[in-house]
């Protein structure tokens, strides 16, 4: 299970299980990756629920 994060500067992919982990980064700065990781952590339950509902 994963989530994509997009920005005008680039994009990233985070694995959600077994733990939140950066899978790919194309063009995002370290700060942008850290900010995105915090958002994924803060909204983990919502993301998992939406992912399972969709798939």
Protein backbone atom coordinates (compact mmCIF):
# COMPACT_ATOMS: atom_id res chain seq x y z
CA UNK A 1 0.00 0.00 0.00
CA UNK A 2 1.40 3.39 -0.94
CA UNK A 3 0.53 7.03 -1.51
CA UNK A 4 1.87 9.51 -4.08
CA UNK A 5 2.63 13.11 -3.15
CA UNK A 6 2.78 15.64 -5.97
CA UNK A 7 4.09 19.18 -6.07
CA UNK A 8 5.01 21.57 -8.87
CA UNK A 9 8.67 20.80 -8.06
CA UNK A 10 8.27 17.02 -8.40
CA UNK A 11 6.71 14.01 -6.74
CA UNK A 12 7.33 11.34 -4.15
CA UNK A 13 5.93 7.95 -3.24
CA UNK A 14 5.61 6.68 0.33
CA UNK A 15 5.04 3.08 1.38
CA UNK A 16 2.40 2.94 4.13
CA UNK A 17 2.97 -0.60 5.34
CA UNK A 18 4.63 -2.21 7.17
CA UNK A 19 5.74 1.32 8.10
CA UNK A 20 5.72 4.75 6.49
CA UNK A 21 8.82 4.92 4.33
CA UNK A 22 9.95 7.00 1.35
CA UNK A 23 9.95 4.79 -1.73
CA UNK A 24 10.78 7.37 -4.43
CA UNK A 25 11.58 11.05 -4.73
CA UNK A 26 11.87 12.98 -7.97
CA UNK A 27 12.71 16.63 -7.54
CA UNK A 28 11.51 17.41 -4.03
CA UNK A 29 13.84 18.99 -1.48
CA UNK A 30 14.63 17.36 1.86
CA UNK A 31 12.33 19.87 3.58
CA UNK A 32 9.48 19.09 1.19
CA UNK A 33 9.97 15.35 1.80
CA UNK A 34 9.99 15.90 5.57
CA UNK A 35 6.83 18.02 5.36
CA UNK A 36 5.12 15.41 3.18
CA UNK A 37 6.15 12.61 5.53
CA UNK A 38 4.65 14.49 8.48
CA UNK A 39 1.40 14.97 6.55
CA UNK A 40 1.27 11.27 5.69
CA UNK A 41 1.86 10.39 9.35
CA UNK A 42 -0.74 12.88 10.59
CA UNK A 43 -3.38 11.62 8.14
CA UNK A 44 -2.39 7.95 8.09
CA UNK A 45 -5.78 6.60 9.21
CA UNK A 46 -7.66 8.74 6.68
CA UNK A 47 -5.34 7.65 3.88
CA UNK A 48 -5.66 3.96 4.78
CA UNK A 49 -9.45 4.23 4.98
CA UNK A 50 -9.67 6.01 1.60
CA UNK A 51 -7.26 3.53 -0.01
CA UNK A 52 -9.23 0.52 1.23
CA UNK A 53 -12.54 2.09 0.20
CA UNK A 54 -11.24 2.77 -3.31
CA UNK A 55 -9.58 -0.60 -3.86
